[in-house]
Amino acid sequence: MNTKEETTPTRKYKRYDEAFQRSTVEHWMLSGKSARQVAQELGLNVQSLQKWKRKFKALPAGQVAGTLEALQAENRRLQKELHRMMQQRDILKKTLGIISEVPGNGSNG
């Protein structure tokens, strides 16, 4: 009896969820980089990236722009919050300096 076993290598394909695919395409479109550069940065196949672009090409026109506007609004909000926190930090530093001051020799007594 002569049995022949097939020895075809099994390929494992990575599955990426739709959110990852969408954000990758948006990154590619907004970065101005080539598909090859973005694919290489993320360890993806260029063909996959191009296929995802075609898949999401039917997106509503303002969706990518809306995402950019949302990021810019979030950035402005975070900058304001950072400024406020820095002011609070400076006030606390001054307060700590005043509290920890050693009283002068002739002032108490």
PDB file of N, CA and C in Angstrom:
ATOM      1  N   MET A   1       0.826  -1.175   0.000  1.00  0.00           N
ATOM      2  CA  MET A   1       0.000   0.000   0.000  1.00  0.00           C
ATOM      3  C   MET A   1       0.871   1.239   0.000  1.00  0.00           C
ATOM      4  N   ASN A   2       0.576   2.025  -0.913  1.00  0.00           N
ATOM      5  CA  ASN A   2       1.343   3.248  -1.068  1.00  0.00           C
ATOM      6  C   ASN A   2       0.407   4.444  -0.883  1.00  0.00           C
ATOM      7  N   THR A   3       0.547   5.156   0.224  1.00  0.00           N
ATOM      8  CA  THR A   3      -0.301   6.331   0.458  1.00  0.00           C
ATOM      9  C   THR A   3       0.538   7.586   0.304  1.00  0.00           C
ATOM     10  N   LYS A   4      -0.049   8.510  -0.343  1.00  0.00           N
ATOM     11  CA  LYS A   4       0.657   9.766  -0.579  1.00  0.00           C
ATOM     12  C   LYS A   4      -0.010  10.857   0.253  1.00  0.00           C
ATOM     13  N   GLU A   5       0.767  11.430   1.131  1.00  0.00           N
ATOM     14  CA  GLU A   5       0.235  12.500   1.968  1.00  0.00           C
ATOM     15  C   GLU A   5       0.557  13.837   1.311  1.00  0.00           C
ATOM     16  N   GLU A   6      -0.411  14.683   1.300  1.00  0.00           N
ATOM     17  CA  GLU A   6      -0.168  16.007   0.748  1.00  0.00           C
ATOM     18  C   GLU A   6       0.537  16.848   1.801  1.00  0.00           C
ATOM     19  N   THR A   7       1.563  17.492   1.366  1.00  0.00           N
ATOM     20  CA  THR A   7       2.331  18.323   2.287  1.00  0.00           C
ATOM     21  C   THR A   7       2.269  19.788   1.848  1.00  0.00           C
ATOM     22  N   THR A   8       1.069  20.275   1.709  1.00  0.00           N
ATOM     23  CA  THR A   8       0.934  21.683   1.345  1.00  0.00           C
ATOM     24  C   THR A   8       1.026  22.528   2.615  1.00  0.00           C
ATOM     25  N   PRO A   9       1.821  23.548   2.564  1.00  0.00           N
ATOM     26  CA  PRO A   9       1.954  24.393   3.754  1.00  0.00           C
ATOM     27  C   PRO A   9       0.651  25.153   4.013  1.00  0.00           C
ATOM     28  N   THR A  10       0.296  25.244   5.264  1.00  0.00           N
ATOM     29  CA  THR A  10      -0.914  25.976   5.618  1.00  0.00           C
ATOM     30  C   THR A  10      -0.542  27.425   5.894  1.00  0.00           C
ATOM     31  N   ARG A  11      -1.281  28.311   5.289  1.00  0.00           N
ATOM     32  CA  ARG A  11      -1.033  29.742   5.487  1.00  0.00           C
ATOM     33  C   ARG A  11      -2.012  30.267   6.513  1.00  0.00           C
ATOM     34  N   LYS A  12      -1.493  31.036   7.410  1.00  0.00           N
ATOM     35  CA  LYS A  12      -2.356  31.655   8.407  1.00  0.00           C
ATOM     36  C   LYS A  12      -2.535  33.109   8.020  1.00  0.00           C
ATOM     37  N   TYR A  13      -3.765  33.511   7.859  1.00  0.00           N
ATOM     38  CA  TYR A  13      -4.075  34.883   7.512  1.00  0.00           C
ATOM     39  C   TYR A  13      -4.497  35.624   8.771  1.00  0.00           C
ATOM     40  N   LYS A  14      -3.999  36.823   8.905  1.00  0.00           N
ATOM     41  CA  LYS A  14      -4.411  37.642  10.026  1.00  0.00           C
ATOM     42  C   LYS A  14      -5.745  38.282   9.689  1.00  0.00           C
ATOM     43  N   ARG A  15      -6.594  38.306  10.654  1.00  0.00           N
ATOM     44  CA  ARG A  15      -7.898  38.943  10.493  1.00  0.00           C
ATOM     45  C   ARG A  15      -7.886  40.254  11.268  1.00  0.00           C
ATOM     46  N   TYR A  16      -8.264  41.318  10.599  1.00  0.00           N
ATOM     47  CA  TYR A  16      -8.318  42.627  11.230  1.00  0.00           C
ATOM     48  C   TYR A  16      -9.771  43.075  11.277  1.00  0.00           C
ATOM     49  N   ASP A  17     -10.172  43.629  12.412  1.00  0.00           N
ATOM     50  CA  ASP A  17     -11.553  44.076  12.512  1.00  0.00           C
ATOM     51  C   ASP A  17     -11.767  45.354  11.696  1.00  0.00           C
ATOM     52  N   GLU A  18     -13.025  45.669  11.482  1.00  0.00           N
ATOM     53  CA  GLU A  18     -13.371  46.784  10.613  1.00  0.00           C
ATOM     54  C   GLU A  18     -12.867  48.116  11.159  1.00  0.00           C
ATOM     55  N   ALA A  19     -12.866  48.277  12.471  1.00  0.00           N
ATOM     56  CA  ALA A  19     -12.388  49.531  13.065  1.00  0.00           C
ATOM     57  C   ALA A  19     -10.903  49.741  12.754  1.00  0.00           C
ATOM     58  N   PHE A  20     -10.122  48.675  12.856  1.00  0.00           N
ATOM     59  CA  PHE A  20      -8.701  48.775  12.528  1.00  0.00           C
ATOM     60  C   PHE A  20      -8.512  49.102  11.054  1.00  0.00           C
ATOM     61  N   GLN A  21      -9.263  48.427  10.192  1.00  0.00           N
ATOM     62  CA  GLN A  21      -9.147  48.673   8.761  1.00  0.00           C
ATOM     63  C   GLN A  21      -9.492  50.117   8.433  1.00  0.00           C
ATOM     64  N   ARG A  22     -10.572  50.600   9.000  1.00  0.00           N
ATOM     65  CA  ARG A  22     -11.021  51.959   8.735  1.00  0.00           C
ATOM     66  C   ARG A  22      -9.991  52.989   9.229  1.00  0.00           C
ATOM     67  N   SER A  23      -9.488  52.797  10.437  1.00  0.00           N
ATOM     68  CA  SER A  23      -8.519  53.755  10.973  1.00  0.00           C
ATOM     69  C   SER A  23      -7.207  53.710  10.190  1.00  0.00           C
ATOM     70  N   THR A  24      -6.843  52.535   9.695  1.00  0.00           N
ATOM     71  CA  THR A  24      -5.634  52.412   8.890  1.00  0.00           C
ATOM     72  C   THR A  24      -5.784  53.161   7.572  1.00  0.00           C
ATOM     73  N   VAL A  25      -6.937  53.021   6.936  1.00  0.00           N
ATOM     74  CA  VAL A  25      -7.180  53.741   5.684  1.00  0.00           C
ATOM     75  C   VAL A  25      -7.198  55.245   5.928  1.00  0.00           C
ATOM     76  N   GLU A  26      -7.837  55.679   7.014  1.00  0.00           N
ATOM     77  CA  GLU A  26      -7.861  57.110   7.338  1.00  0.00           C
ATOM     78  C   GLU A  26      -6.453  57.631   7.589  1.00  0.00           C
ATOM     79  N   HIS A  27      -5.663  56.858   8.316  1.00  0.00           N
ATOM     80  CA  HIS A  27      -4.270  57.249   8.568  1.00  0.00           C
ATOM     81  C   HIS A  27      -3.522  57.402   7.251  1.00  0.00           C
ATOM     82  N   TRP A  28      -3.703  56.446   6.370  1.00  0.00           N
ATOM     83  CA  TRP A  28      -3.030  56.476   5.075  1.00  0.00           C
ATOM     84  C   TRP A  28      -3.446  57.720   4.289  1.00  0.00           C
ATOM     85  N   MET A  29      -4.746  58.000   4.246  1.00  0.00           N
ATOM     86  CA  MET A  29      -5.240  59.125   3.458  1.00  0.00           C
ATOM     87  C   MET A  29      -4.775  60.472   4.025  1.00  0.00           C
ATOM     88  N   LEU A  30      -4.741  60.581   5.352  1.00  0.00           N
ATOM     89  CA  LEU A  30      -4.378  61.844   5.985  1.00  0.00           C
ATOM     90  C   LEU A  30      -2.872  62.053   6.073  1.00  0.00           C
ATOM     91  N   SER A  31      -2.107  60.982   6.021  1.00  0.00           N
ATOM     92  CA  SER A  31      -0.662  61.097   6.206  1.00  0.00           C
ATOM     93  C   SER A  31       0.056  61.589   4.961  1.00  0.00           C
ATOM     94  N   GLY A  32      -0.522  61.358   3.793  1.00  0.00           N
ATOM     95  CA  GLY A  32       0.140  61.727   2.548  1.00  0.00           C
ATOM     96  C   GLY A  32       1.243  60.755   2.160  1.00  0.00           C
ATOM     97  N   LYS A  33       1.347  59.657   2.870  1.00  0.00           N
ATOM     98  CA  LYS A  33       2.374  58.654   2.576  1.00  0.00           C
ATOM     99  C   LYS A  33       1.855  57.685   1.525  1.00  0.00           C
ATOM    100  N   SER A  34       2.773  56.963   0.934  1.00  0.00           N
ATOM    101  CA  SER A  34       2.373  55.953  -0.051  1.00  0.00           C
ATOM    102  C   SER A  34       1.808  54.736   0.673  1.00  0.00           C
ATOM    103  N   ALA A  35       1.069  53.940  -0.088  1.00  0.00           N
ATOM    104  CA  ALA A  35       0.498  52.714   0.480  1.00  0.00           C
ATOM    105  C   ALA A  35       1.606  51.796   0.974  1.00  0.00           C
ATOM    106  N   ARG A  36       2.681  51.724   0.223  1.00  0.00           N
ATOM    107  CA  ARG A  36       3.803  50.863   0.600  1.00  0.00           C
ATOM    108  C   ARG A  36       4.405  51.299   1.940  1.00  0.00           C
ATOM    109  N   GLN A  37       4.562  52.620   2.144  1.00  0.00           N
ATOM    110  CA  GLN A  37       5.140  53.114   3.397  1.00  0.00           C
ATOM    111  C   GLN A  37       4.244  52.776   4.587  1.00  0.00           C
ATOM    112  N   VAL A  38       2.948  53.047   4.440  1.00  0.00           N
ATOM    113  CA  VAL A  38       2.018  52.787   5.537  1.00  0.00           C
ATOM    114  C   VAL A  38       1.934  51.290   5.830  1.00  0.00           C
ATOM    115  N   ALA A  39       1.868  50.492   4.780  1.00  0.00           N
ATOM    116  CA  ALA A  39       1.802  49.040   4.966  1.00  0.00           C
ATOM    117  C   ALA A  39       3.051  48.539   5.678  1.00  0.00           C
ATOM    118  N   GLN A  40       4.195  49.051   5.296  1.00  0.00           N
ATOM    119  CA  GLN A  40       5.447  48.621   5.918  1.00  0.00           C
ATOM    120  C   GLN A  40       5.492  49.044   7.388  1.00  0.00           C
ATOM    121  N   GLU A  41       5.045  50.262   7.694  1.00  0.00           N
ATOM    122  CA  GLU A  41       5.032  50.748   9.076  1.00  0.00           C
ATOM    123  C   GLU A  41       4.171  49.860   9.974  1.00  0.00           C
ATOM    124  N   LEU A  42       3.046  49.407   9.413  1.00  0.00           N
ATOM    125  CA  LEU A  42       2.091  48.651  10.214  1.00  0.00           C
ATOM    126  C   LEU A  42       2.224  47.144  10.053  1.00  0.00           C
ATOM    127  N   GLY A  43       3.156  46.709   9.225  1.00  0.00           N
ATOM    128  CA  GLY A  43       3.352  45.285   9.024  1.00  0.00           C
ATOM    129  C   GLY A  43       2.212  44.635   8.255  1.00  0.00           C
ATOM    130  N   LEU A  44       1.683  45.365   7.281  1.00  0.00           N
ATOM    131  CA  LEU A  44       0.554  44.880   6.491  1.00  0.00           C
ATOM    132  C   LEU A  44       0.987  44.591   5.068  1.00  0.00           C
ATOM    133  N   ASN A  45       0.114  43.918   4.352  1.00  0.00           N
ATOM    134  CA  ASN A  45       0.304  43.678   2.941  1.00  0.00           C
ATOM    135  C   ASN A  45      -0.275  44.877   2.187  1.00  0.00           C
ATOM    136  N   VAL A  46       0.439  45.392   1.195  1.00  0.00           N
ATOM    137  CA  VAL A  46      -0.015  46.553   0.430  1.00  0.00           C
ATOM    138  C   VAL A  46      -1.362  46.272  -0.219  1.00  0.00           C
ATOM    139  N   GLN A  47      -1.539  45.055  -0.723  1.00  0.00           N
ATOM    140  CA  GLN A  47      -2.799  44.709  -1.370  1.00  0.00           C
ATOM    141  C   GLN A  47      -3.965  44.772  -0.388  1.00  0.00           C
ATOM    142  N   SER A  48      -3.734  44.381   0.843  1.00  0.00           N
ATOM    143  CA  SER A  48      -4.793  44.463   1.851  1.00  0.00           C
ATOM    144  C   SER A  48      -5.196  45.914   2.081  1.00  0.00           C
ATOM    145  N   LEU A  49      -4.198  46.766   2.198  1.00  0.00           N
ATOM    146  CA  LEU A  49      -4.464  48.179   2.417  1.00  0.00           C
ATOM    147  C   LEU A  49      -5.270  48.771   1.262  1.00  0.00           C
ATOM    148  N   GLN A  50      -4.907  48.434   0.042  1.00  0.00           N
ATOM    149  CA  GLN A  50      -5.630  48.939  -1.119  1.00  0.00           C
ATOM    150  C   GLN A  50      -7.048  48.374  -1.188  1.00  0.00           C
ATOM    151  N   LYS A  51      -7.199  47.116  -0.793  1.00  0.00           N
ATOM    152  CA  LYS A  51      -8.522  46.493  -0.774  1.00  0.00           C
ATOM    153  C   LYS A  51      -9.418  47.184   0.256  1.00  0.00           C
ATOM    154  N   TRP A  52      -8.851  47.523   1.424  1.00  0.00           N
ATOM    155  CA  TRP A  52      -9.612  48.221   2.447  1.00  0.00           C
ATOM    156  C   TRP A  52     -10.028  49.605   1.959  1.00  0.00           C
ATOM    157  N   LYS A  53      -9.141  50.257   1.225  1.00  0.00           N
ATOM    158  CA  LYS A  53      -9.471  51.583   0.698  1.00  0.00           C
ATOM    159  C   LYS A  53     -10.681  51.488  -0.229  1.00  0.00           C
ATOM    160  N   ARG A  54     -10.683  50.498  -1.102  1.00  0.00           N
ATOM    161  CA  ARG A  54     -11.820  50.310  -2.003  1.00  0.00           C
ATOM    162  C   ARG A  54     -13.088  50.006  -1.209  1.00  0.00           C
ATOM    163  N   LYS A  55     -12.935  49.228  -0.153  1.00  0.00           N
ATOM    164  CA  LYS A  55     -14.080  48.845   0.678  1.00  0.00           C
ATOM    165  C   LYS A  55     -14.710  50.081   1.325  1.00  0.00           C
ATOM    166  N   PHE A  56     -13.873  51.007   1.790  1.00  0.00           N
ATOM    167  CA  PHE A  56     -14.384  52.171   2.505  1.00  0.00           C
ATOM    168  C   PHE A  56     -14.545  53.392   1.604  1.00  0.00           C
ATOM    169  N   LYS A  57     -14.302  53.212   0.325  1.00  0.00           N
ATOM    170  CA  LYS A  57     -14.452  54.326  -0.606  1.00  0.00           C
ATOM    171  C   LYS A  57     -15.897  54.796  -0.643  1.00  0.00           C
ATOM    172  N   ALA A  58     -16.805  53.904  -0.367  1.00  0.00           N
ATOM    173  CA  ALA A  58     -18.227  54.230  -0.390  1.00  0.00           C
ATOM    174  C   ALA A  58     -18.681  54.944   0.887  1.00  0.00           C
ATOM    175  N   LEU A  59     -17.725  55.352   1.721  1.00  0.00           N
ATOM    176  CA  LEU A  59     -18.083  56.068   2.938  1.00  0.00           C
ATOM    177  C   LEU A  59     -18.705  57.406   2.593  1.00  0.00           C
ATOM    178  N   PRO A  60     -19.545  57.935   3.459  1.00  0.00           N
ATOM    179  CA  PRO A  60     -20.044  59.287   3.248  1.00  0.00           C
ATOM    180  C   PRO A  60     -18.877  60.261   3.162  1.00  0.00           C
ATOM    181  N   ALA A  61     -19.026  61.268   2.323  1.00  0.00           N
ATOM    182  CA  ALA A  61     -17.914  62.167   2.006  1.00  0.00           C
ATOM    183  C   ALA A  61     -17.312  62.843   3.230  1.00  0.00           C
ATOM    184  N   GLY A  62     -18.116  63.210   4.195  1.00  0.00           N
ATOM    185  CA  GLY A  62     -17.592  63.965   5.332  1.00  0.00           C
ATOM    186  C   GLY A  62     -17.067  63.117   6.467  1.00  0.00           C
ATOM    187  N   GLN A  63     -17.068  61.815   6.319  1.00  0.00           N
ATOM    188  CA  GLN A  63     -16.690  60.977   7.453  1.00  0.00           C
ATOM    189  C   GLN A  63     -15.219  61.131   7.814  1.00  0.00           C
ATOM    190  N   VAL A  64     -14.328  61.133   6.848  1.00  0.00           N
ATOM    191  CA  VAL A  64     -12.908  61.303   7.159  1.00  0.00           C
ATOM    192  C   VAL A  64     -12.665  62.712   7.660  1.00  0.00           C
ATOM    193  N   ALA A  65     -13.266  63.709   6.993  1.00  0.00           N
ATOM    194  CA  ALA A  65     -13.105  65.095   7.425  1.00  0.00           C
ATOM    195  C   ALA A  65     -13.695  65.287   8.813  1.00  0.00           C
ATOM    196  N   GLY A  66     -14.829  64.629   9.072  1.00  0.00           N
ATOM    197  CA  GLY A  66     -15.434  64.723  10.396  1.00  0.00           C
ATOM    198  C   GLY A  66     -14.514  64.170  11.464  1.00  0.00           C
ATOM    199  N   THR A  67     -13.828  63.116  11.148  1.00  0.00           N
ATOM    200  CA  THR A  67     -12.885  62.538  12.098  1.00  0.00           C
ATOM    201  C   THR A  67     -11.742  63.509  12.361  1.00  0.00           C
ATOM    202  N   LEU A  68     -11.254  64.164  11.325  1.00  0.00           N
ATOM    203  CA  LEU A  68     -10.178  65.134  11.480  1.00  0.00           C
ATOM    204  C   LEU A  68     -10.645  66.310  12.325  1.00  0.00           C
ATOM    205  N   GLU A  69     -11.852  66.790  12.062  1.00  0.00           N
ATOM    206  CA  GLU A  69     -12.397  67.902  12.847  1.00  0.00           C
ATOM    207  C   GLU A  69     -12.579  67.499  14.302  1.00  0.00           C
ATOM    208  N   ALA A  70     -13.026  66.286  14.529  1.00  0.00           N
ATOM    209  CA  ALA A  70     -13.200  65.807  15.901  1.00  0.00           C
ATOM    210  C   ALA A  70     -11.855  65.739  16.623  1.00  0.00           C
ATOM    211  N   LEU A  71     -10.826  65.291  15.917  1.00  0.00           N
ATOM    212  CA  LEU A  71      -9.494  65.234  16.526  1.00  0.00           C
ATOM    213  C   LEU A  71      -8.974  66.629  16.839  1.00  0.00           C
ATOM    214  N   GLN A  72      -9.221  67.573  15.944  1.00  0.00           N
ATOM    215  CA  GLN A  72      -8.775  68.946  16.186  1.00  0.00           C
ATOM    216  C   GLN A  72      -9.516  69.551  17.377  1.00  0.00           C
ATOM    217  N   ALA A  73     -10.811  69.290  17.489  1.00  0.00           N
ATOM    218  CA  ALA A  73     -11.584  69.796  18.625  1.00  0.00           C
ATOM    219  C   ALA A  73     -11.081  69.180  19.927  1.00  0.00           C
ATOM    220  N   GLU A  74     -10.806  67.887  19.906  1.00  0.00           N
ATOM    221  CA  GLU A  74     -10.264  67.217  21.093  1.00  0.00           C
ATOM    222  C   GLU A  74      -8.902  67.788  21.463  1.00  0.00           C
ATOM    223  N   ASN A  75      -8.090  68.081  20.466  1.00  0.00           N
ATOM    224  CA  ASN A  75      -6.773  68.669  20.710  1.00  0.00           C
ATOM    225  C   ASN A  75      -6.918  70.041  21.376  1.00  0.00           C
ATOM    226  N   ARG A  76      -7.831  70.865  20.876  1.00  0.00           N
ATOM    227  CA  ARG A  76      -8.059  72.185  21.486  1.00  0.00           C
ATOM    228  C   ARG A  76      -8.526  72.039  22.930  1.00  0.00           C
ATOM    229  N   ARG A  77      -9.435  71.101  23.173  1.00  0.00           N
ATOM    230  CA  ARG A  77      -9.937  70.884  24.529  1.00  0.00           C
ATOM    231  C   ARG A  77      -8.817  70.456  25.466  1.00  0.00           C
ATOM    232  N   LEU A  78      -7.970  69.555  24.984  1.00  0.00           N
ATOM    233  CA  LEU A  78      -6.861  69.076  25.818  1.00  0.00           C
ATOM    234  C   LEU A  78      -5.839  70.175  26.076  1.00  0.00           C
ATOM    235  N   GLN A  79      -5.613  71.042  25.090  1.00  0.00           N
ATOM    236  CA  GLN A  79      -4.692  72.158  25.300  1.00  0.00           C
ATOM    237  C   GLN A  79      -5.217  73.110  26.366  1.00  0.00           C
ATOM    238  N   LYS A  80      -6.525  73.390  26.343  1.00  0.00           N
ATOM    239  CA  LYS A  80      -7.127  74.251  27.368  1.00  0.00           C
ATOM    240  C   LYS A  80      -6.997  73.608  28.749  1.00  0.00           C
ATOM    241  N   GLU A  81      -7.281  72.308  28.808  1.00  0.00           N
ATOM    242  CA  GLU A  81      -7.184  71.603  30.082  1.00  0.00           C
ATOM    243  C   GLU A  81      -5.745  71.597  30.594  1.00  0.00           C
ATOM    244  N   LEU A  82      -4.789  71.408  29.701  1.00  0.00           N
ATOM    245  CA  LEU A  82      -3.386  71.437  30.094  1.00  0.00           C
ATOM    246  C   LEU A  82      -3.011  72.801  30.652  1.00  0.00           C
ATOM    247  N   HIS A  83      -3.461  73.857  29.998  1.00  0.00           N
ATOM    248  CA  HIS A  83      -3.163  75.211  30.459  1.00  0.00           C
ATOM    249  C   HIS A  83      -3.731  75.442  31.863  1.00  0.00           C
ATOM    250  N   ARG A  84      -4.977  75.000  32.071  1.00  0.00           N
ATOM    251  CA  ARG A  84      -5.621  75.150  33.383  1.00  0.00           C
ATOM    252  C   ARG A  84      -4.870  74.349  34.450  1.00  0.00           C
ATOM    253  N   MET A  85      -4.463  73.144  34.114  1.00  0.00           N
ATOM    254  CA  MET A  85      -3.736  72.306  35.081  1.00  0.00           C
ATOM    255  C   MET A  85      -2.373  72.903  35.425  1.00  0.00           C
ATOM    256  N   MET A  86      -1.721  73.491  34.420  1.00  0.00           N
ATOM    257  CA  MET A  86      -0.433  74.128  34.683  1.00  0.00           C
ATOM    258  C   MET A  86      -0.606  75.332  35.613  1.00  0.00           C
ATOM    259  N   GLN A  87      -1.679  76.087  35.441  1.00  0.00           N
ATOM    260  CA  GLN A  87      -1.952  77.203  36.347  1.00  0.00           C
ATOM    261  C   GLN A  87      -2.187  76.697  37.765  1.00  0.00           C
ATOM    262  N   GLN A  88      -2.970  75.643  37.904  1.00  0.00           N
ATOM    263  CA  GLN A  88      -3.214  75.073  39.223  1.00  0.00           C
ATOM    264  C   GLN A  88      -1.921  74.585  39.858  1.00  0.00           C
ATOM    265  N   ARG A  89      -1.071  73.953  39.070  1.00  0.00           N
ATOM    266  CA  ARG A  89       0.213  73.481  39.578  1.00  0.00           C
ATOM    267  C   ARG A  89       1.063  74.649  40.074  1.00  0.00           C
ATOM    268  N   ASP A  90       1.099  75.731  39.299  1.00  0.00           N
ATOM    269  CA  ASP A  90       1.892  76.892  39.692  1.00  0.00           C
ATOM    270  C   ASP A  90       1.363  77.519  40.980  1.00  0.00           C
ATOM    271  N   ILE A  91       0.048  77.576  41.108  1.00  0.00           N
ATOM    272  CA  ILE A  91      -0.553  78.112  42.337  1.00  0.00           C
ATOM    273  C   ILE A  91      -0.185  77.237  43.524  1.00  0.00           C
ATOM    274  N   LEU A  92      -0.236  75.921  43.354  1.00  0.00           N
ATOM    275  CA  LEU A  92       0.128  75.008  44.446  1.00  0.00           C
ATOM    276  C   LEU A  92       1.598  75.148  44.823  1.00  0.00           C
ATOM    277  N   LYS A  93       2.459  75.333  43.834  1.00  0.00           N
ATOM    278  CA  LYS A  93       3.882  75.525  44.123  1.00  0.00           C
ATOM    279  C   LYS A  93       4.107  76.783  44.943  1.00  0.00           C
ATOM    280  N   LYS A  94       3.436  77.873  44.571  1.00  0.00           N
ATOM    281  CA  LYS A  94       3.576  79.132  45.307  1.00  0.00           C
ATOM    282  C   LYS A  94       3.042  78.988  46.723  1.00  0.00           C
ATOM    283  N   THR A  95       1.906  78.324  46.851  1.00  0.00           N
ATOM    284  CA  THR A  95       1.307  78.112  48.165  1.00  0.00           C
ATOM    285  C   THR A  95       2.240  77.288  49.041  1.00  0.00           C
ATOM    286  N   LEU A  96       2.814  76.255  48.490  1.00  0.00           N
ATOM    287  CA  LEU A  96       3.739  75.419  49.254  1.00  0.00           C
ATOM    288  C   LEU A  96       4.955  76.231  49.675  1.00  0.00           C
ATOM    289  N   GLY A  97       5.420  77.097  48.789  1.00  0.00           N
ATOM    290  CA  GLY A  97       6.559  77.945  49.132  1.00  0.00           C
ATOM    291  C   GLY A  97       6.229  78.888  50.276  1.00  0.00           C
ATOM    292  N   ILE A  98       5.039  79.459  50.288  1.00  0.00           N
ATOM    293  CA  ILE A  98       4.622  80.378  51.353  1.00  0.00           C
ATOM    294  C   ILE A  98       4.455  79.628  52.668  1.00  0.00           C
ATOM    295  N   ILE A  99       3.831  78.466  52.629  1.00  0.00           N
ATOM    296  CA  ILE A  99       3.598  77.683  53.848  1.00  0.00           C
ATOM    297  C   ILE A  99       4.894  77.196  54.449  1.00  0.00           C
ATOM    298  N   SER A 100       5.840  76.827  53.613  1.00  0.00           N
ATOM    299  CA  SER A 100       7.081  76.244  54.136  1.00  0.00           C
ATOM    300  C   SER A 100       8.149  77.301  54.443  1.00  0.00           C
ATOM    301  N   GLU A 101       7.828  78.582  54.324  1.00  0.00           N
ATOM    302  CA  GLU A 101       8.793  79.636  54.644  1.00  0.00           C
ATOM    303  C   GLU A 101       9.092  79.641  56.143  1.00  0.00           C
ATOM    304  N   VAL A 102      10.344  79.846  56.463  1.00  0.00           N
ATOM    305  CA  VAL A 102      10.744  79.967  57.858  1.00  0.00           C
ATOM    306  C   VAL A 102      10.509  81.413  58.276  1.00  0.00           C
ATOM    307  N   PRO A 103       9.822  81.621  59.384  1.00  0.00           N
ATOM    308  CA  PRO A 103       9.567  83.011  59.813  1.00  0.00           C
ATOM    309  C   PRO A 103      10.874  83.726  60.108  1.00  0.00           C
ATOM    310  N   GLY A 104      10.878  85.040  59.845  1.00  0.00           N
ATOM    311  CA  GLY A 104      12.079  85.843  60.089  1.00  0.00           C
ATOM    312  C   GLY A 104      12.374  85.973  61.579  1.00  0.00           C
ATOM    313  N   ASN A 105      13.609  86.388  61.914  1.00  0.00           N
ATOM    314  CA  ASN A 105      14.047  86.448  63.309  1.00  0.00           C
ATOM    315  C   ASN A 105      13.247  87.452  64.133  1.00  0.00           C
ATOM    316  N   GLY A 106      12.965  88.631  63.606  1.00  0.00           N
ATOM    317  CA  GLY A 106      12.318  89.651  64.422  1.00  0.00           C
ATOM    318  C   GLY A 106      10.830  89.744  64.229  1.00  0.00           C
ATOM    319  N   SER A 107      10.216  88.924  63.431  1.00  0.00           N
ATOM    320  CA  SER A 107       8.814  89.109  63.130  1.00  0.00           C
ATOM    321  C   SER A 107       7.891  88.508  64.193  1.00  0.00           C
ATOM    322  N   ASN A 108       8.319  87.458  64.865  1.00  0.00           N
ATOM    323  CA  ASN A 108       7.463  86.817  65.873  1.00  0.00           C
ATOM    324  C   ASN A 108       8.070  86.974  67.262  1.00  0.00           C
ATOM    325  N   GLY A 109       7.850  88.048  67.837  1.00  0.00           N
ATOM    326  CA  GLY A 109       8.276  88.048  69.112  1.00  0.00           C
ATOM    327  C   GLY A 109       8.989  88.785  69.963  1.00  0.00           C
TER     328      GLY A 109
END
